[in-house]
Amino acid sequence: MGKTGSVEWVKLKGRKGQIRLVPRKNANTKRPGPAQRYDPSGKIRRKIKRSAKAIVKVS
């Protein structure tokens, strides 16, 4: 357990444009859905690279 307020949050944009917060360590990868869980060789994919457009830039 981290100390209160120790998690850094990042804004991400969803497919419909809605914005949500995720911890910074999960900002560059996402968990695949049921149809994308297996790669062509049959291994389970645990993480997928997130689109660069999904990360909201803070200005």
C-alpha atoms as a PDB file:
ATOM      1  CA  MET A   1       0.000   0.000   0.000  1.00  0.00           C
ATOM      2  CA  GLY A   2       1.360   3.416  -0.921  1.00  0.00           C
ATOM      3  CA  LYS A   3       1.057   6.511   1.154  1.00  0.00           C
ATOM      4  CA  THR A   4      -1.997   8.705   0.619  1.00  0.00           C
ATOM      5  CA  GLY A   5      -1.597  10.692  -2.589  1.00  0.00           C
ATOM      6  CA  SER A   6       1.467   8.785  -3.790  1.00  0.00           C
ATOM      7  CA  VAL A   7      -0.186   7.589  -7.018  1.00  0.00           C
ATOM      8  CA  GLU A   8       0.413   9.825 -10.041  1.00  0.00           C
ATOM      9  CA  TRP A   9      -2.607   9.925 -12.342  1.00  0.00           C
ATOM     10  CA  VAL A  10      -2.669  10.386 -16.131  1.00  0.00           C
ATOM     11  CA  LYS A  11      -5.659  11.370 -18.266  1.00  0.00           C
ATOM     12  CA  LEU A  12      -6.606   8.965 -21.079  1.00  0.00           C
ATOM     13  CA  LYS A  13      -9.145   9.438 -23.820  1.00  0.00           C
ATOM     14  CA  GLY A  14     -11.459   6.533 -24.605  1.00  0.00           C
ATOM     15  CA  ARG A  15     -12.857   5.509 -27.976  1.00  0.00           C
ATOM     16  CA  LYS A  16     -15.850   7.845 -27.681  1.00  0.00           C
ATOM     17  CA  GLY A  17     -13.743  10.760 -26.443  1.00  0.00           C
ATOM     18  CA  GLN A  18     -14.525  10.428 -22.742  1.00  0.00           C
ATOM     19  CA  ILE A  19     -11.589  11.089 -20.416  1.00  0.00           C
ATOM     20  CA  ARG A  20     -10.630   8.866 -17.486  1.00  0.00           C
ATOM     21  CA  LEU A  21      -7.760   8.735 -15.027  1.00  0.00           C
ATOM     22  CA  VAL A  22      -5.350   5.798 -14.788  1.00  0.00           C
ATOM     23  CA  PRO A  23      -2.188   5.375 -12.713  1.00  0.00           C
ATOM     24  CA  ARG A  24       0.971   6.526 -14.528  1.00  0.00           C
ATOM     25  CA  LYS A  25       2.436   2.999 -14.589  1.00  0.00           C
ATOM     26  CA  ASN A  26      -0.571   1.835 -16.686  1.00  0.00           C
ATOM     27  CA  ALA A  27      -0.496   4.795 -19.082  1.00  0.00           C
ATOM     28  CA  ASN A  28       1.501   3.169 -21.907  1.00  0.00           C
ATOM     29  CA  THR A  29      -0.135  -0.261 -21.934  1.00  0.00           C
ATOM     30  CA  LYS A  30      -3.661  -1.604 -21.740  1.00  0.00           C
ATOM     31  CA  ARG A  31      -5.200  -4.973 -21.001  1.00  0.00           C
ATOM     32  CA  PRO A  32      -6.552  -6.806 -24.051  1.00  0.00           C
ATOM     33  CA  GLY A  33     -10.192  -7.796 -24.323  1.00  0.00           C
ATOM     34  CA  PRO A  34     -11.318 -11.409 -24.752  1.00  0.00           C
ATOM     35  CA  ALA A  35     -10.900 -11.426 -28.542  1.00  0.00           C
ATOM     36  CA  GLN A  36      -7.355  -9.997 -28.396  1.00  0.00           C
ATOM     37  CA  ARG A  37      -5.994 -12.171 -25.575  1.00  0.00           C
ATOM     38  CA  TYR A  38      -4.047 -14.618 -27.738  1.00  0.00           C
ATOM     39  CA  ASP A  39      -1.250 -13.841 -30.180  1.00  0.00           C
ATOM     40  CA  PRO A  40      -0.816 -15.846 -33.421  1.00  0.00           C
ATOM     41  CA  SER A  41       1.402 -18.455 -31.738  1.00  0.00           C
ATOM     42  CA  GLY A  42      -1.237 -19.119 -29.059  1.00  0.00           C
ATOM     43  CA  LYS A  43       0.468 -17.400 -26.128  1.00  0.00           C
ATOM     44  CA  ILE A  44      -1.619 -15.198 -23.846  1.00  0.00           C
ATOM     45  CA  ARG A  45      -1.070 -11.470 -24.282  1.00  0.00           C
ATOM     46  CA  ARG A  46      -1.067  -9.682 -20.965  1.00  0.00           C
ATOM     47  CA  LYS A  47      -0.456  -6.128 -22.171  1.00  0.00           C
ATOM     48  CA  ILE A  48      -0.971  -4.230 -25.450  1.00  0.00           C
ATOM     49  CA  LYS A  49       0.709  -0.967 -26.405  1.00  0.00           C
ATOM     50  CA  ARG A  50      -1.638   1.986 -25.979  1.00  0.00           C
ATOM     51  CA  SER A  51      -2.199   4.418 -28.845  1.00  0.00           C
ATOM     52  CA  ALA A  52      -0.264   7.687 -28.533  1.00  0.00           C
ATOM     53  CA  LYS A  53      -3.495   9.564 -29.359  1.00  0.00           C
ATOM     54  CA  ALA A  54      -5.150   8.183 -26.214  1.00  0.00           C
ATOM     55  CA  ILE A  55      -2.830   9.984 -23.789  1.00  0.00           C
ATOM     56  CA  VAL A  56      -4.111  13.497 -23.102  1.00  0.00           C
ATOM     57  CA  LYS A  57      -1.320  16.059 -23.196  1.00  0.00           C
ATOM     58  CA  VAL A  58      -1.295  18.499 -20.289  1.00  0.00           C
ATOM     59  CA  SER A  59      -0.599  22.022 -21.458  1.00  0.00           C
END
